[in-house]
């Protein structure tokens, strides 16, 4: 079982809530935590930009990653949303199992 933590930034609470709800409802994520107050600095189209954002921490499995990325891309207001997956190298086994169970594709 490969559990992933996926980072995704959103421009505001409303878009973060829309994404979080859809991902959990569709069993693409077991849990989505929101961290408001993120200040991002990045280069976009040749310019240095700054933005206040909401960071989503999305818990899912490797098996659901492609579908999750596709859904984020479809729902996200950004032209190029940040979607970065990091593998969990360990953790509380019952929690990791719960993530796996919550993200099983419906039959």
Protein backbone atom coordinates (compact mmCIF):
# COMPACT_ATOMS: atom_id res chain seq x y z
CA UNK A 1 0.00 0.00 0.00
CA UNK A 2 1.54 3.30 -1.11
CA UNK A 3 0.09 6.33 0.66
CA UNK A 4 0.72 9.78 -0.78
CA UNK A 5 0.49 13.32 0.54
CA UNK A 6 -0.42 15.64 -2.33
CA UNK A 7 0.15 19.40 -2.07
CA UNK A 8 -2.11 21.74 -4.00
CA UNK A 9 -2.43 25.49 -3.60
CA UNK A 10 -5.69 27.37 -4.21
CA UNK A 11 -6.34 31.09 -4.61
CA UNK A 12 -9.03 31.26 -1.90
CA UNK A 13 -11.10 29.35 0.66
CA UNK A 14 -14.03 28.87 -1.74
CA UNK A 15 -11.99 27.06 -4.39
CA UNK A 16 -10.14 25.10 -1.69
CA UNK A 17 -13.47 23.96 -0.22
CA UNK A 18 -14.85 23.00 -3.63
CA UNK A 19 -11.79 20.88 -4.39
CA UNK A 20 -11.61 19.29 -0.94
CA UNK A 21 -15.28 18.33 -0.94
CA UNK A 22 -15.20 16.87 -4.47
CA UNK A 23 -12.04 14.84 -3.86
CA UNK A 24 -13.40 13.28 -0.66
CA UNK A 25 -16.92 12.74 -2.05
CA UNK A 26 -15.47 11.00 -5.11
CA UNK A 27 -13.14 8.85 -2.96
CA UNK A 28 -10.06 10.28 -4.64
CA UNK A 29 -8.87 11.42 -1.21
CA UNK A 30 -9.46 10.11 2.29
CA UNK A 31 -8.89 13.52 3.87
CA UNK A 32 -8.00 17.02 2.76
CA UNK A 33 -6.54 19.48 5.27
CA UNK A 34 -6.54 23.21 4.49
CA UNK A 35 -3.79 25.56 5.61
CA UNK A 36 -4.75 29.20 5.00
CA UNK A 37 -2.27 32.05 5.07
CA UNK A 38 0.30 30.63 2.65
CA UNK A 39 2.24 33.33 0.78
CA UNK A 40 3.70 32.08 -2.50
CA UNK A 41 6.39 33.70 -4.64
CA UNK A 42 6.91 32.29 -8.11
CA UNK A 43 7.80 33.14 -11.69
CA UNK A 44 4.84 33.10 -14.10
CA UNK A 45 5.04 34.11 -17.74
CA UNK A 46 8.37 35.85 -17.18
CA UNK A 47 7.27 37.90 -14.16
CA UNK A 48 7.86 37.40 -10.43
CA UNK A 49 4.46 37.02 -8.77
CA UNK A 50 3.28 36.95 -5.15
CA UNK A 51 -0.02 35.46 -4.02
CA UNK A 52 -1.85 34.65 -0.81
CA UNK A 53 -3.08 31.09 -1.13
CA UNK A 54 -4.64 28.18 0.73
CA UNK A 55 -2.54 25.00 0.79
CA UNK A 56 -4.38 21.69 0.53
CA UNK A 57 -2.74 18.60 2.03
CA UNK A 58 -4.49 15.71 0.30
CA UNK A 59 -4.15 12.14 1.59
CA UNK A 60 -4.59 9.46 -1.07
CA UNK A 61 -3.02 6.33 -2.55
CA UNK A 62 -0.70 5.87 -5.50
CA UNK A 63 -3.44 3.91 -7.23
CA UNK A 64 -5.77 6.95 -7.17
CA UNK A 65 -3.17 9.60 -8.03
CA UNK A 66 -3.81 9.83 -11.78
CA UNK A 67 -7.57 10.24 -11.28
CA UNK A 68 -7.00 12.75 -8.48
CA UNK A 69 -4.66 14.86 -10.63
CA UNK A 70 -7.14 14.78 -13.51
CA UNK A 71 -9.99 15.90 -11.23
CA UNK A 72 -7.94 18.71 -9.68
CA UNK A 73 -7.00 19.93 -13.15
CA UNK A 74 -10.68 19.92 -14.20
CA UNK A 75 -11.94 21.80 -11.12
CA UNK A 76 -9.05 24.14 -10.31
CA UNK A 77 -9.32 27.82 -11.26
CA UNK A 78 -5.60 28.12 -12.09
CA UNK A 79 -4.37 27.46 -15.62
CA UNK A 80 -1.45 25.49 -14.14
CA UNK A 81 -2.31 24.28 -10.62
CA UNK A 82 0.37 23.07 -8.24
CA UNK A 83 -0.05 19.33 -7.74
CA UNK A 84 2.93 17.63 -6.10
CA UNK A 85 2.75 14.14 -4.60
CA UNK A 86 5.11 12.93 -1.88
CA UNK A 87 5.20 9.32 -0.77
CA UNK A 88 4.62 8.65 2.93
CA UNK A 89 7.54 6.46 4.01
CA UNK A 90 5.74 5.47 7.19
CA UNK A 91 3.11 6.42 9.73
CA UNK A 92 0.52 4.98 12.04
CA UNK A 93 -0.53 1.73 10.35
CA UNK A 94 -4.26 1.99 11.20
CA UNK A 95 -4.34 5.53 9.76
CA UNK A 96 -2.56 4.47 6.57
CA UNK A 97 -5.00 1.57 6.23
CA UNK A 98 -7.91 3.96 6.73
CA UNK A 99 -6.60 6.16 3.89
CA UNK A 100 -6.42 3.09 1.64
CA UNK A 101 -9.96 1.99 2.57
CA UNK A 102 -11.47 5.46 2.07
CA UNK A 103 -10.00 5.79 -1.41
CA UNK A 104 -11.12 2.43 -2.80
CA UNK A 105 -12.89 2.86 -6.11
CA UNK A 106 -16.63 2.20 -5.78
CA UNK A 107 -17.73 -1.08 -7.33
